[in-house]
Amino acid sequence: MEDCFFCKVINDKDFFLENDLAIARFDNFPVNEGHLEVIPKRHIKDWWGATSEEKVAIFDLIDEAKKFVDKKYHPDAYNIGINLGEAAGQSIMHLHVHLIPRYKGDVPNPRGGVRGVIPQKQNY
């Protein structure tokens, strides 16, 4: 799709890792140092539109990207996240998976992790 940001990224070769079906690039607005996103090469709106092969390719790149981030940034932990739909925060309607390195002390209390998307539900 010519107006899709990620389709342009793929066409412009603005990424540092790839396999046959997906690419990995650093996020333009990183949450933490080393934050990256893995994106299928085919324009797909969300996870449920991806083929089994595309899903495997995405997770293969997440594994490869994690090794790269481990060596370069030495994080203490990770979050992996996908925003699926506007109500969940998806702003680019092309599937992408975030790999977010986490560091001790980057938030006062990390308990609940991804539950923090609804702040009052994070601590349980």
PDB file of N, CA and C in Angstrom:
ATOM      1  N   MET A   1       0.855  -1.182   0.000  1.00  0.00           N
ATOM      2  CA  MET A   1       0.000   0.000   0.000  1.00  0.00           C
ATOM      3  C   MET A   1       0.893   1.235   0.000  1.00  0.00           C
ATOM      4  N   GLU A   2       0.672   2.111  -0.935  1.00  0.00           N
ATOM      5  CA  GLU A   2       1.587   3.240  -1.122  1.00  0.00           C
ATOM      6  C   GLU A   2       1.561   4.271   0.009  1.00  0.00           C
ATOM      7  N   ASP A   3       0.491   4.355   0.797  1.00  0.00           N
ATOM      8  CA  ASP A   3       0.457   5.335   1.885  1.00  0.00           C
ATOM      9  C   ASP A   3       0.789   4.715   3.247  1.00  0.00           C
ATOM     10  N   CYS A   4       1.175   3.459   3.281  1.00  0.00           N
ATOM     11  CA  CYS A   4       1.499   2.775   4.534  1.00  0.00           C
ATOM     12  C   CYS A   4       2.953   3.051   4.919  1.00  0.00           C
ATOM     13  N   PHE A   5       3.154   3.563   6.120  1.00  0.00           N
ATOM     14  CA  PHE A   5       4.500   3.877   6.607  1.00  0.00           C
ATOM     15  C   PHE A   5       5.420   2.662   6.552  1.00  0.00           C
ATOM     16  N   PHE A   6       4.954   1.523   7.054  1.00  0.00           N
ATOM     17  CA  PHE A   6       5.816   0.343   7.098  1.00  0.00           C
ATOM     18  C   PHE A   6       6.086  -0.235   5.712  1.00  0.00           C
ATOM     19  N   CYS A   7       5.139  -0.139   4.808  1.00  0.00           N
ATOM     20  CA  CYS A   7       5.406  -0.590   3.439  1.00  0.00           C
ATOM     21  C   CYS A   7       6.524   0.255   2.827  1.00  0.00           C
ATOM     22  N   LYS A   8       6.541   1.549   3.131  1.00  0.00           N
ATOM     23  CA  LYS A   8       7.619   2.423   2.650  1.00  0.00           C
ATOM     24  C   LYS A   8       8.951   2.035   3.280  1.00  0.00           C
ATOM     25  N   VAL A   9       8.950   1.741   4.575  1.00  0.00           N
ATOM     26  CA  VAL A   9      10.165   1.313   5.280  1.00  0.00           C
ATOM     27  C   VAL A   9      10.749   0.079   4.595  1.00  0.00           C
ATOM     28  N   ILE A  10       9.884  -0.873   4.281  1.00  0.00           N
ATOM     29  CA  ILE A  10      10.328  -2.115   3.644  1.00  0.00           C
ATOM     30  C   ILE A  10      10.877  -1.825   2.245  1.00  0.00           C
ATOM     31  N   ASN A  11      10.167  -1.028   1.471  1.00  0.00           N
ATOM     32  CA  ASN A  11      10.614  -0.698   0.107  1.00  0.00           C
ATOM     33  C   ASN A  11      11.906   0.108   0.108  1.00  0.00           C
ATOM     34  N   ASP A  12      12.092   0.966   1.122  1.00  0.00           N
ATOM     35  CA  ASP A  12      13.303   1.798   1.209  1.00  0.00           C
ATOM     36  C   ASP A  12      14.467   1.076   1.881  1.00  0.00           C
ATOM     37  N   LYS A  13      14.247  -0.166   2.284  1.00  0.00           N
ATOM     38  CA  LYS A  13      15.283  -0.979   2.951  1.00  0.00           C
ATOM     39  C   LYS A  13      15.765  -0.321   4.250  1.00  0.00           C
ATOM     40  N   ASP A  14      14.829   0.307   4.985  1.00  0.00           N
ATOM     41  CA  ASP A  14      15.147   0.975   6.244  1.00  0.00           C
ATOM     42  C   ASP A  14      15.004  -0.010   7.403  1.00  0.00           C
ATOM     43  N   PHE A  15      15.874  -1.034   7.422  1.00  0.00           N
ATOM     44  CA  PHE A  15      15.838  -2.043   8.461  1.00  0.00           C
ATOM     45  C   PHE A  15      17.214  -2.675   8.581  1.00  0.00           C
ATOM     46  N   PHE A  16      17.438  -3.421   9.677  1.00  0.00           N
ATOM     47  CA  PHE A  16      18.766  -3.994   9.882  1.00  0.00           C
ATOM     48  C   PHE A  16      18.779  -5.517   9.886  1.00  0.00           C
ATOM     49  N   LEU A  17      17.629  -6.159   9.993  1.00  0.00           N
ATOM     50  CA  LEU A  17      17.539  -7.612   9.914  1.00  0.00           C
ATOM     51  C   LEU A  17      16.362  -7.981   9.029  1.00  0.00           C
ATOM     52  N   GLU A  18      16.483  -9.124   8.355  1.00  0.00           N
ATOM     53  CA  GLU A  18      15.343  -9.597   7.571  1.00  0.00           C
ATOM     54  C   GLU A  18      15.440 -11.096   7.351  1.00  0.00           C
ATOM     55  N   ASN A  19      14.305 -11.673   7.040  1.00  0.00           N
ATOM     56  CA  ASN A  19      14.237 -13.021   6.504  1.00  0.00           C
ATOM     57  C   ASN A  19      13.291 -12.951   5.308  1.00  0.00           C
ATOM     58  N   ASP A  20      12.854 -14.058   4.788  1.00  0.00           N
ATOM     59  CA  ASP A  20      12.036 -14.028   3.575  1.00  0.00           C
ATOM     60  C   ASP A  20      10.715 -13.291   3.749  1.00  0.00           C
ATOM     61  N   LEU A  21      10.159 -13.293   4.958  1.00  0.00           N
ATOM     62  CA  LEU A  21       8.803 -12.774   5.144  1.00  0.00           C
ATOM     63  C   LEU A  21       8.675 -11.579   6.080  1.00  0.00           C
ATOM     64  N   ALA A  22       9.763 -11.194   6.762  1.00  0.00           N
ATOM     65  CA  ALA A  22       9.657 -10.110   7.749  1.00  0.00           C
ATOM     66  C   ALA A  22      10.971  -9.342   7.850  1.00  0.00           C
ATOM     67  N   ILE A  23      10.875  -8.168   8.455  1.00  0.00           N
ATOM     68  CA  ILE A  23      12.058  -7.322   8.698  1.00  0.00           C
ATOM     69  C   ILE A  23      12.042  -6.863  10.153  1.00  0.00           C
ATOM     70  N   ALA A  24      13.201  -6.426  10.640  1.00  0.00           N
ATOM     71  CA  ALA A  24      13.306  -5.836  11.975  1.00  0.00           C
ATOM     72  C   ALA A  24      13.996  -4.492  11.837  1.00  0.00           C
ATOM     73  N   ARG A  25      13.487  -3.503  12.572  1.00  0.00           N
ATOM     74  CA  ARG A  25      14.061  -2.155  12.565  1.00  0.00           C
ATOM     75  C   ARG A  25      13.907  -1.550  13.944  1.00  0.00           C
ATOM     76  N   PHE A  26      14.735  -0.555  14.236  1.00  0.00           N
ATOM     77  CA  PHE A  26      14.595   0.144  15.498  1.00  0.00           C
ATOM     78  C   PHE A  26      13.401   1.082  15.427  1.00  0.00           C
ATOM     79  N   ASP A  27      12.661   1.159  16.512  1.00  0.00           N
ATOM     80  CA  ASP A  27      11.469   2.002  16.609  1.00  0.00           C
ATOM     81  C   ASP A  27      11.872   3.476  16.552  1.00  0.00           C
ATOM     82  N   ASN A  28      11.099   4.278  15.837  1.00  0.00           N
ATOM     83  CA  ASN A  28      11.378   5.719  15.736  1.00  0.00           C
ATOM     84  C   ASN A  28      11.134   6.449  17.052  1.00  0.00           C
ATOM     85  N   PHE A  29      10.301   5.895  17.913  1.00  0.00           N
ATOM     86  CA  PHE A  29       9.970   6.518  19.195  1.00  0.00           C
ATOM     87  C   PHE A  29      10.171   5.472  20.299  1.00  0.00           C
ATOM     88  N   PRO A  30      11.426   5.114  20.568  1.00  0.00           N
ATOM     89  CA  PRO A  30      11.684   3.994  21.478  1.00  0.00           C
ATOM     90  C   PRO A  30      11.263   4.254  22.914  1.00  0.00           C
ATOM     91  N   VAL A  31      10.707   3.229  23.521  1.00  0.00           N
ATOM     92  CA  VAL A  31      10.350   3.260  24.938  1.00  0.00           C
ATOM     93  C   VAL A  31      11.620   3.150  25.774  1.00  0.00           C
ATOM     94  N   ASN A  32      12.547   2.331  25.339  1.00  0.00           N
ATOM     95  CA  ASN A  32      13.838   2.121  25.990  1.00  0.00           C
ATOM     96  C   ASN A  32      14.894   1.927  24.917  1.00  0.00           C
ATOM     97  N   GLU A  33      16.153   2.052  25.314  1.00  0.00           N
ATOM     98  CA  GLU A  33      17.256   1.836  24.393  1.00  0.00           C
ATOM     99  C   GLU A  33      17.197   0.400  23.857  1.00  0.00           C
ATOM    100  N   GLY A  34      17.244   0.253  22.534  1.00  0.00           N
ATOM    101  CA  GLY A  34      17.192  -1.046  21.893  1.00  0.00           C
ATOM    102  C   GLY A  34      15.806  -1.484  21.459  1.00  0.00           C
ATOM    103  N   HIS A  35      14.783  -0.663  21.723  1.00  0.00           N
ATOM    104  CA  HIS A  35      13.401  -0.980  21.335  1.00  0.00           C
ATOM    105  C   HIS A  35      13.322  -1.119  19.821  1.00  0.00           C
ATOM    106  N   LEU A  36      12.811  -2.246  19.360  1.00  0.00           N
ATOM    107  CA  LEU A  36      12.671  -2.449  17.923  1.00  0.00           C
ATOM    108  C   LEU A  36      11.322  -3.049  17.598  1.00  0.00           C
ATOM    109  N   GLU A  37      11.031  -3.099  16.307  1.00  0.00           N
ATOM    110  CA  GLU A  37       9.778  -3.670  15.843  1.00  0.00           C
ATOM    111  C   GLU A  37      10.066  -4.642  14.710  1.00  0.00           C
ATOM    112  N   VAL A  38       9.298  -5.719  14.692  1.00  0.00           N
ATOM    113  CA  VAL A  38       9.396  -6.724  13.639  1.00  0.00           C
ATOM    114  C   VAL A  38       8.111  -6.647  12.829  1.00  0.00           C
ATOM    115  N   ILE A  39       8.276  -6.569  11.502  1.00  0.00           N
ATOM    116  CA  ILE A  39       7.176  -6.237  10.600  1.00  0.00           C
ATOM    117  C   ILE A  39       7.141  -7.228   9.445  1.00  0.00           C
ATOM    118  N   PRO A  40       5.975  -7.794   9.146  1.00  0.00           N
ATOM    119  CA  PRO A  40       5.903  -8.659   7.968  1.00  0.00           C
ATOM    120  C   PRO A  40       6.071  -7.824   6.696  1.00  0.00           C
ATOM    121  N   LYS A  41       6.680  -8.412   5.679  1.00  0.00           N
ATOM    122  CA  LYS A  41       6.887  -7.699   4.420  1.00  0.00           C
ATOM    123  C   LYS A  41       5.574  -7.487   3.676  1.00  0.00           C
ATOM    124  N   ARG A  42       4.672  -8.429   3.800  1.00  0.00           N
ATOM    125  CA  ARG A  42       3.365  -8.287   3.150  1.00  0.00           C
ATOM    126  C   ARG A  42       2.511  -7.352   4.001  1.00  0.00           C
ATOM    127  N   HIS A  43       1.752  -6.473   3.347  1.00  0.00           N
ATOM    128  CA  HIS A  43       0.870  -5.577   4.092  1.00  0.00           C
ATOM    129  C   HIS A  43      -0.272  -6.390   4.693  1.00  0.00           C
ATOM    130  N   ILE A  44      -0.270  -6.435   6.026  1.00  0.00           N
ATOM    131  CA  ILE A  44      -1.279  -7.172   6.788  1.00  0.00           C
ATOM    132  C   ILE A  44      -1.721  -6.234   7.907  1.00  0.00           C
ATOM    133  N   LYS A  45      -3.001  -6.106   8.123  1.00  0.00           N
ATOM    134  CA  LYS A  45      -3.475  -5.191   9.163  1.00  0.00           C
ATOM    135  C   LYS A  45      -3.121  -5.681  10.565  1.00  0.00           C
ATOM    136  N   ASP A  46      -3.346  -6.965  10.837  1.00  0.00           N
ATOM    137  CA  ASP A  46      -3.134  -7.435  12.202  1.00  0.00           C
ATOM    138  C   ASP A  46      -2.715  -8.903  12.232  1.00  0.00           C
ATOM    139  N   TRP A  47      -2.470  -9.403  13.440  1.00  0.00           N
ATOM    140  CA  TRP A  47      -1.970 -10.761  13.655  1.00  0.00           C
ATOM    141  C   TRP A  47      -2.858 -11.807  13.003  1.00  0.00           C
ATOM    142  N   TRP A  48      -4.187 -11.591  13.041  1.00  0.00           N
ATOM    143  CA  TRP A  48      -5.123 -12.589  12.545  1.00  0.00           C
ATOM    144  C   TRP A  48      -5.152 -12.662  11.023  1.00  0.00           C
ATOM    145  N   GLY A  49      -4.537 -11.694  10.358  1.00  0.00           N
ATOM    146  CA  GLY A  49      -4.432 -11.737   8.900  1.00  0.00           C
ATOM    147  C   GLY A  49      -3.149 -12.382   8.417  1.00  0.00           C
ATOM    148  N   ALA A  50      -2.248 -12.698   9.335  1.00  0.00           N
ATOM    149  CA  ALA A  50      -0.958 -13.286   8.973  1.00  0.00           C
ATOM    150  C   ALA A  50      -1.092 -14.792   8.778  1.00  0.00           C
ATOM    151  N   THR A  51      -0.311 -15.307   7.851  1.00  0.00           N
ATOM    152  CA  THR A  51      -0.260 -16.752   7.652  1.00  0.00           C
ATOM    153  C   THR A  51       0.584 -17.388   8.759  1.00  0.00           C
ATOM    154  N   SER A  52       0.478 -18.692   8.887  1.00  0.00           N
ATOM    155  CA  SER A  52       1.313 -19.409   9.855  1.00  0.00           C
ATOM    156  C   SER A  52       2.788 -19.188   9.557  1.00  0.00           C
ATOM    157  N   GLU A  53       3.146 -19.181   8.290  1.00  0.00           N
ATOM    158  CA  GLU A  53       4.542 -18.969   7.888  1.00  0.00           C
ATOM    159  C   GLU A  53       5.014 -17.572   8.276  1.00  0.00           C
ATOM    160  N   GLU A  54       4.161 -16.567   8.106  1.00  0.00           N
ATOM    161  CA  GLU A  54       4.528 -15.194   8.497  1.00  0.00           C
ATOM    162  C   GLU A  54       4.702 -15.087  10.005  1.00  0.00           C
ATOM    163  N   LYS A  55       3.842 -15.747  10.762  1.00  0.00           N
ATOM    164  CA  LYS A  55       3.961 -15.719  12.219  1.00  0.00           C
ATOM    165  C   LYS A  55       5.276 -16.357  12.669  1.00  0.00           C
ATOM    166  N   VAL A  56       5.640 -17.462  12.060  1.00  0.00           N
ATOM    167  CA  VAL A  56       6.918 -18.113  12.388  1.00  0.00           C
ATOM    168  C   VAL A  56       8.077 -17.190  12.022  1.00  0.00           C
ATOM    169  N   ALA A  57       8.009 -16.563  10.846  1.00  0.00           N
ATOM    170  CA  ALA A  57       9.075 -15.656  10.399  1.00  0.00           C
ATOM    171  C   ALA A  57       9.231 -14.482  11.358  1.00  0.00           C
ATOM    172  N   ILE A  58       8.126 -13.941  11.852  1.00  0.00           N
ATOM    173  CA  ILE A  58       8.167 -12.834  12.810  1.00  0.00           C
ATOM    174  C   ILE A  58       8.876 -13.282  14.086  1.00  0.00           C
ATOM    175  N   PHE A  59       8.490 -14.424  14.625  1.00  0.00           N
ATOM    176  CA  PHE A  59       9.114 -14.875  15.874  1.00  0.00           C
ATOM    177  C   PHE A  59      10.558 -15.321  15.674  1.00  0.00           C
ATOM    178  N   ASP A  60      10.894 -15.828  14.499  1.00  0.00           N
ATOM    179  CA  ASP A  60      12.308 -16.121  14.212  1.00  0.00           C
ATOM    180  C   ASP A  60      13.142 -14.840  14.272  1.00  0.00           C
ATOM    181  N   LEU A  61      12.606 -13.748  13.705  1.00  0.00           N
ATOM    182  CA  LEU A  61      13.339 -12.476  13.742  1.00  0.00           C
ATOM    183  C   LEU A  61      13.380 -11.887  15.142  1.00  0.00           C
ATOM    184  N   ILE A  62      12.338 -12.086  15.925  1.00  0.00           N
ATOM    185  CA  ILE A  62      12.371 -11.619  17.315  1.00  0.00           C
ATOM    186  C   ILE A  62      13.513 -12.304  18.053  1.00  0.00           C
ATOM    187  N   ASP A  63      13.665 -13.601  17.838  1.00  0.00           N
ATOM    188  CA  ASP A  63      14.773 -14.330  18.478  1.00  0.00           C
ATOM    189  C   ASP A  63      16.124 -13.787  18.021  1.00  0.00           C
ATOM    190  N   GLU A  64      16.272 -13.547  16.724  1.00  0.00           N
ATOM    191  CA  GLU A  64      17.532 -13.027  16.183  1.00  0.00           C
ATOM    192  C   GLU A  64      17.795 -11.607  16.699  1.00  0.00           C
ATOM    193  N   ALA A  65      16.762 -10.776  16.706  1.00  0.00           N
ATOM    194  CA  ALA A  65      16.905  -9.395  17.176  1.00  0.00           C
ATOM    195  C   ALA A  65      17.254  -9.350  18.655  1.00  0.00           C
ATOM    196  N   LYS A  66      16.668 -10.242  19.459  1.00  0.00           N
ATOM    197  CA  LYS A  66      16.979 -10.290  20.883  1.00  0.00           C
ATOM    198  C   LYS A  66      18.467 -10.551  21.100  1.00  0.00           C
ATOM    199  N   LYS A  67      19.039 -11.454  20.340  1.00  0.00           N
ATOM    200  CA  LYS A  67      20.474 -11.740  20.463  1.00  0.00           C
ATOM    201  C   LYS A  67      21.293 -10.488  20.171  1.00  0.00           C
ATOM    202  N   PHE A  68      20.887  -9.742  19.133  1.00  0.00           N
ATOM    203  CA  PHE A  68      21.575  -8.501  18.774  1.00  0.00           C
ATOM    204  C   PHE A  68      21.468  -7.482  19.902  1.00  0.00           C
ATOM    205  N   VAL A  69      20.250  -7.289  20.422  1.00  0.00           N
ATOM    206  CA  VAL A  69      20.024  -6.317  21.493  1.00  0.00           C
ATOM    207  C   VAL A  69      20.757  -6.733  22.761  1.00  0.00           C
ATOM    208  N   ASP A  70      20.752  -8.017  23.071  1.00  0.00           N
ATOM    209  CA  ASP A  70      21.486  -8.507  24.251  1.00  0.00           C
ATOM    210  C   ASP A  70      22.951  -8.097  24.188  1.00  0.00           C
ATOM    211  N   LYS A  71      23.579  -8.299  23.042  1.00  0.00           N
ATOM    212  CA  LYS A  71      25.004  -7.988  22.894  1.00  0.00           C
ATOM    213  C   LYS A  71      25.277  -6.490  22.944  1.00  0.00           C
ATOM    214  N   LYS A  72      24.396  -5.702  22.335  1.00  0.00           N
ATOM    215  CA  LYS A  72      24.643  -4.264  22.232  1.00  0.00           C
ATOM    216  C   LYS A  72      24.206  -3.478  23.471  1.00  0.00           C
ATOM    217  N   TYR A  73      23.078  -3.840  24.076  1.00  0.00           N
ATOM    218  CA  TYR A  73      22.500  -3.027  25.148  1.00  0.00           C
ATOM    219  C   TYR A  73      22.455  -3.708  26.518  1.00  0.00           C
ATOM    220  N   HIS A  74      22.562  -5.014  26.596  1.00  0.00           N
ATOM    221  CA  HIS A  74      22.582  -5.767  27.851  1.00  0.00           C
ATOM    222  C   HIS A  74      21.370  -5.491  28.750  1.00  0.00           C
ATOM    223  N   PRO A  75      20.154  -5.636  28.224  1.00  0.00           N
ATOM    224  CA  PRO A  75      18.980  -5.407  29.071  1.00  0.00           C
ATOM    225  C   PRO A  75      18.818  -6.504  30.112  1.00  0.00           C
ATOM    226  N   ASP A  76      17.987  -6.216  31.095  1.00  0.00           N
ATOM    227  CA  ASP A  76      17.709  -7.170  32.165  1.00  0.00           C
ATOM    228  C   ASP A  76      16.509  -8.062  31.855  1.00  0.00           C
ATOM    229  N   ALA A  77      15.629  -7.610  30.963  1.00  0.00           N
ATOM    230  CA  ALA A  77      14.398  -8.345  30.654  1.00  0.00           C
ATOM    231  C   ALA A  77      13.798  -7.765  29.364  1.00  0.00           C
ATOM    232  N   TYR A  78      12.650  -8.282  28.975  1.00  0.00           N
ATOM    233  CA  TYR A  78      11.976  -7.827  27.752  1.00  0.00           C
ATOM    234  C   TYR A  78      10.465  -7.852  27.922  1.00  0.00           C
ATOM    235  N   ASN A  79       9.794  -7.000  27.165  1.00  0.00           N
ATOM    236  CA  ASN A  79       8.369  -7.125  26.886  1.00  0.00           C
ATOM    237  C   ASN A  79       8.234  -7.296  25.386  1.00  0.00           C
ATOM    238  N   ILE A  80       7.312  -8.138  24.970  1.00  0.00           N
ATOM    239  CA  ILE A  80       6.945  -8.279  23.556  1.00  0.00           C
ATOM    240  C   ILE A  80       5.489  -7.886  23.475  1.00  0.00           C
ATOM    241  N   GLY A  81       5.157  -6.981  22.536  1.00  0.00           N
ATOM    242  CA  GLY A  81       3.778  -6.522  22.458  1.00  0.00           C
ATOM    243  C   GLY A  81       3.313  -6.240  21.057  1.00  0.00           C
ATOM    244  N   ILE A  82       2.017  -6.431  20.864  1.00  0.00           N
ATOM    245  CA  ILE A  82       1.361  -6.135  19.590  1.00  0.00           C
ATOM    246  C   ILE A  82       0.100  -5.338  19.901  1.00  0.00           C
ATOM    247  N   ASN A  83      -0.047  -4.176  19.289  1.00  0.00           N
ATOM    248  CA  ASN A  83      -1.275  -3.401  19.409  1.00  0.00           C
ATOM    249  C   ASN A  83      -2.168  -3.806  18.240  1.00  0.00           C
ATOM    250  N   LEU A  84      -3.348  -4.308  18.542  1.00  0.00           N
ATOM    251  CA  LEU A  84      -4.241  -4.851  17.520  1.00  0.00           C
ATOM    252  C   LEU A  84      -5.549  -4.077  17.506  1.00  0.00           C
ATOM    253  N   GLY A  85      -5.595  -3.048  16.672  1.00  0.00           N
ATOM    254  CA  GLY A  85      -6.768  -2.196  16.560  1.00  0.00           C
ATOM    255  C   GLY A  85      -6.579  -0.868  17.268  1.00  0.00           C
ATOM    256  N   GLU A  86      -7.341   0.129  16.829  1.00  0.00           N
ATOM    257  CA  GLU A  86      -7.213   1.481  17.388  1.00  0.00           C
ATOM    258  C   GLU A  86      -7.452   1.520  18.889  1.00  0.00           C
ATOM    259  N   ALA A  87      -8.457   0.782  19.382  1.00  0.00           N
ATOM    260  CA  ALA A  87      -8.768   0.795  20.809  1.00  0.00           C
ATOM    261  C   ALA A  87      -7.627   0.220  21.646  1.00  0.00           C
ATOM    262  N   ALA A  88      -6.754  -0.563  21.015  1.00  0.00           N
ATOM    263  CA  ALA A  88      -5.592  -1.134  21.707  1.00  0.00           C
ATOM    264  C   ALA A  88      -4.335  -0.301  21.472  1.00  0.00           C
ATOM    265  N   GLY A  89      -4.481   0.823  20.770  1.00  0.00           N
ATOM    266  CA  GLY A  89      -3.342   1.710  20.564  1.00  0.00           C
ATOM    267  C   GLY A  89      -2.634   1.571  19.228  1.00  0.00           C
ATOM    268  N   GLN A  90      -3.137   0.719  18.329  1.00  0.00           N
ATOM    269  CA  GLN A  90      -2.487   0.578  17.022  1.00  0.00           C
ATOM    270  C   GLN A  90      -2.682   1.858  16.224  1.00  0.00           C
ATOM    271  N   SER A  91      -1.566   2.467  15.815  1.00  0.00           N
ATOM    272  CA  SER A  91      -1.643   3.723  15.058  1.00  0.00           C
ATOM    273  C   SER A  91      -1.220   3.552  13.604  1.00  0.00           C
ATOM    274  N   ILE A  92      -0.491   2.497  13.290  1.00  0.00           N
ATOM    275  CA  ILE A  92      -0.143   2.168  11.907  1.00  0.00           C
ATOM    276  C   ILE A  92      -0.805   0.834  11.616  1.00  0.00           C
ATOM    277  N   MET A  93      -1.701   0.823  10.652  1.00  0.00           N
ATOM    278  CA  MET A  93      -2.504  -0.363  10.385  1.00  0.00           C
ATOM    279  C   MET A  93      -1.766  -1.361   9.481  1.00  0.00           C
ATOM    280  N   HIS A  94      -0.563  -1.684   9.911  1.00  0.00           N
ATOM    281  CA  HIS A  94       0.276  -2.731   9.309  1.00  0.00           C
ATOM    282  C   HIS A  94       0.855  -3.470  10.502  1.00  0.00           C
ATOM    283  N   LEU A  95       0.599  -4.759  10.588  1.00  0.00           N
ATOM    284  CA  LEU A  95       1.059  -5.556  11.716  1.00  0.00           C
ATOM    285  C   LEU A  95       2.513  -5.270  12.041  1.00  0.00           C
ATOM    286  N   HIS A  96       2.800  -5.074  13.305  1.00  0.00           N
ATOM    287  CA  HIS A  96       4.177  -4.962  13.780  1.00  0.00           C
ATOM    288  C   HIS A  96       4.219  -5.386  15.252  1.00  0.00           C
ATOM    289  N   VAL A  97       5.312  -6.055  15.599  1.00  0.00           N
ATOM    290  CA  VAL A  97       5.490  -6.592  16.943  1.00  0.00           C
ATOM    291  C   VAL A  97       6.647  -5.844  17.594  1.00  0.00           C
ATOM    292  N   HIS A  98       6.403  -5.306  18.772  1.00  0.00           N
ATOM    293  CA  HIS A  98       7.432  -4.566  19.500  1.00  0.00           C
ATOM    294  C   HIS A  98       8.242  -5.511  20.379  1.00  0.00           C
ATOM    295  N   LEU A  99       9.543  -5.364  20.328  1.00  0.00           N
ATOM    296  CA  LEU A  99      10.455  -6.021  21.262  1.00  0.00           C
ATOM    297  C   LEU A  99      11.060  -4.892  22.083  1.00  0.00           C
ATOM    298  N   ILE A 100      10.674  -4.829  23.358  1.00  0.00           N
ATOM    299  CA  ILE A 100      11.076  -3.710  24.208  1.00  0.00           C
ATOM    300  C   ILE A 100      11.999  -4.210  25.313  1.00  0.00           C
ATOM    301  N   PRO A 101      13.282  -3.838  25.240  1.00  0.00           N
ATOM    302  CA  PRO A 101      14.203  -4.198  26.318  1.00  0.00           C
ATOM    303  C   PRO A 101      13.803  -3.477  27.604  1.00  0.00           C
ATOM    304  N   ARG A 102      13.970  -4.164  28.723  1.00  0.00           N
ATOM    305  CA  ARG A 102      13.658  -3.581  30.016  1.00  0.00           C
ATOM    306  C   ARG A 102      14.909  -3.594  30.876  1.00  0.00           C
ATOM    307  N   TYR A 103      15.043  -2.568  31.682  1.00  0.00           N
ATOM    308  CA  TYR A 103      16.218  -2.385  32.526  1.00  0.00           C
ATOM    309  C   TYR A 103      15.769  -2.181  33.958  1.00  0.00           C
ATOM    310  N   LYS A 104      16.493  -2.786  34.888  1.00  0.00           N
ATOM    311  CA  LYS A 104      16.164  -2.599  36.304  1.00  0.00           C
ATOM    312  C   LYS A 104      16.116  -1.109  36.601  1.00  0.00           C
ATOM    313  N   GLY A 105      15.006  -0.675  37.216  1.00  0.00           N
ATOM    314  CA  GLY A 105      14.853   0.723  37.590  1.00  0.00           C
ATOM    315  C   GLY A 105      14.257   1.603  36.512  1.00  0.00           C
ATOM    316  N   ASP A 106      13.893   1.049  35.333  1.00  0.00           N
ATOM    317  CA  ASP A 106      13.322   1.911  34.290  1.00  0.00           C
ATOM    318  C   ASP A 106      11.917   2.401  34.632  1.00  0.00           C
ATOM    319  N   VAL A 107      11.244   1.709  35.532  1.00  0.00           N
ATOM    320  CA  VAL A 107       9.984   2.174  36.130  1.00  0.00           C
ATOM    321  C   VAL A 107      10.053   1.844  37.623  1.00  0.00           C
ATOM    322  N   PRO A 108       9.341   2.580  38.455  1.00  0.00           N
ATOM    323  CA  PRO A 108       9.419   2.331  39.896  1.00  0.00           C
ATOM    324  C   PRO A 108       8.998   0.910  40.286  1.00  0.00           C
ATOM    325  N   ASN A 109       7.945   0.370  39.664  1.00  0.00           N
ATOM    326  CA  ASN A 109       7.467  -0.964  40.011  1.00  0.00           C
ATOM    327  C   ASN A 109       6.986  -1.651  38.733  1.00  0.00           C
ATOM    328  N   PRO A 110       7.770  -2.593  38.197  1.00  0.00           N
ATOM    329  CA  PRO A 110       7.384  -3.229  36.947  1.00  0.00           C
ATOM    330  C   PRO A 110       6.329  -4.326  37.087  1.00  0.00           C
ATOM    331  N   ARG A 111       5.912  -4.630  38.318  1.00  0.00           N
ATOM    332  CA  ARG A 111       4.933  -5.711  38.516  1.00  0.00           C
ATOM    333  C   ARG A 111       3.713  -5.518  37.632  1.00  0.00           C
ATOM    334  N   GLY A 112       3.292  -6.583  37.008  1.00  0.00           N
ATOM    335  CA  GLY A 112       2.126  -6.531  36.132  1.00  0.00           C
ATOM    336  C   GLY A 112       2.492  -6.331  34.677  1.00  0.00           C
ATOM    337  N   GLY A 113       3.702  -5.869  34.402  1.00  0.00           N
ATOM    338  CA  GLY A 113       4.194  -5.755  33.022  1.00  0.00           C
ATOM    339  C   GLY A 113       3.189  -5.191  32.042  1.00  0.00           C
ATOM    340  N   VAL A 114       2.789  -5.999  31.083  1.00  0.00           N
ATOM    341  CA  VAL A 114       1.895  -5.521  30.023  1.00  0.00           C
ATOM    342  C   VAL A 114       0.509  -5.169  30.541  1.00  0.00           C
ATOM    343  N   ARG A 115       0.185  -5.588  31.752  1.00  0.00           N
ATOM    344  CA  ARG A 115      -1.096  -5.183  32.341  1.00  0.00           C
ATOM    345  C   ARG A 115      -1.153  -3.659  32.517  1.00  0.00           C
ATOM    346  N   GLY A 116       0.008  -3.006  32.437  1.00  0.00           N
ATOM    347  CA  GLY A 116       0.086  -1.559  32.590  1.00  0.00           C
ATOM    348  C   GLY A 116      -0.570  -0.779  31.465  1.00  0.00           C
ATOM    349  N   VAL A 117      -1.034  -1.467  30.421  1.00  0.00           N
ATOM    350  CA  VAL A 117      -1.754  -0.739  29.369  1.00  0.00           C
ATOM    351  C   VAL A 117      -3.041  -0.132  29.922  1.00  0.00           C
ATOM    352  N   ILE A 118      -3.536  -0.692  31.007  1.00  0.00           N
ATOM    353  CA  ILE A 118      -4.625  -0.084  31.776  1.00  0.00           C
ATOM    354  C   ILE A 118      -4.043   0.125  33.174  1.00  0.00           C
ATOM    355  N   PRO A 119      -3.505   1.328  33.428  1.00  0.00           N
ATOM    356  CA  PRO A 119      -2.692   1.559  34.630  1.00  0.00           C
ATOM    357  C   PRO A 119      -3.326   1.094  35.940  1.00  0.00           C
ATOM    358  N   GLN A 120      -4.621   1.295  36.136  1.00  0.00           N
ATOM    359  CA  GLN A 120      -5.228   0.919  37.403  1.00  0.00           C
ATOM    360  C   GLN A 120      -5.342  -0.608  37.557  1.00  0.00           C
ATOM    361  N   LYS A 121      -5.050  -1.365  36.499  1.00  0.00           N
ATOM    362  CA  LYS A 121      -5.091  -2.834  36.567  1.00  0.00           C
ATOM    363  C   LYS A 121      -3.702  -3.450  36.682  1.00  0.00           C
ATOM    364  N   GLN A 122      -2.648  -2.615  36.623  1.00  0.00           N
ATOM    365  CA  GLN A 122      -1.283  -3.146  36.592  1.00  0.00           C
ATOM    366  C   GLN A 122      -0.913  -3.872  37.869  1.00  0.00           C
ATOM    367  N   ASN A 123      -1.174  -3.265  39.005  1.00  0.00           N
ATOM    368  CA  ASN A 123      -0.793  -3.890  40.276  1.00  0.00           C
ATOM    369  C   ASN A 123      -1.985  -4.650  40.822  1.00  0.00           C
ATOM    370  N   TYR A 124      -1.797  -5.931  41.020  1.00  0.00           N
ATOM    371  CA  TYR A 124      -2.886  -6.791  41.481  1.00  0.00           C
ATOM    372  C   TYR A 124      -2.448  -7.588  42.689  1.00  0.00           C
TER     373      TYR A 124
END
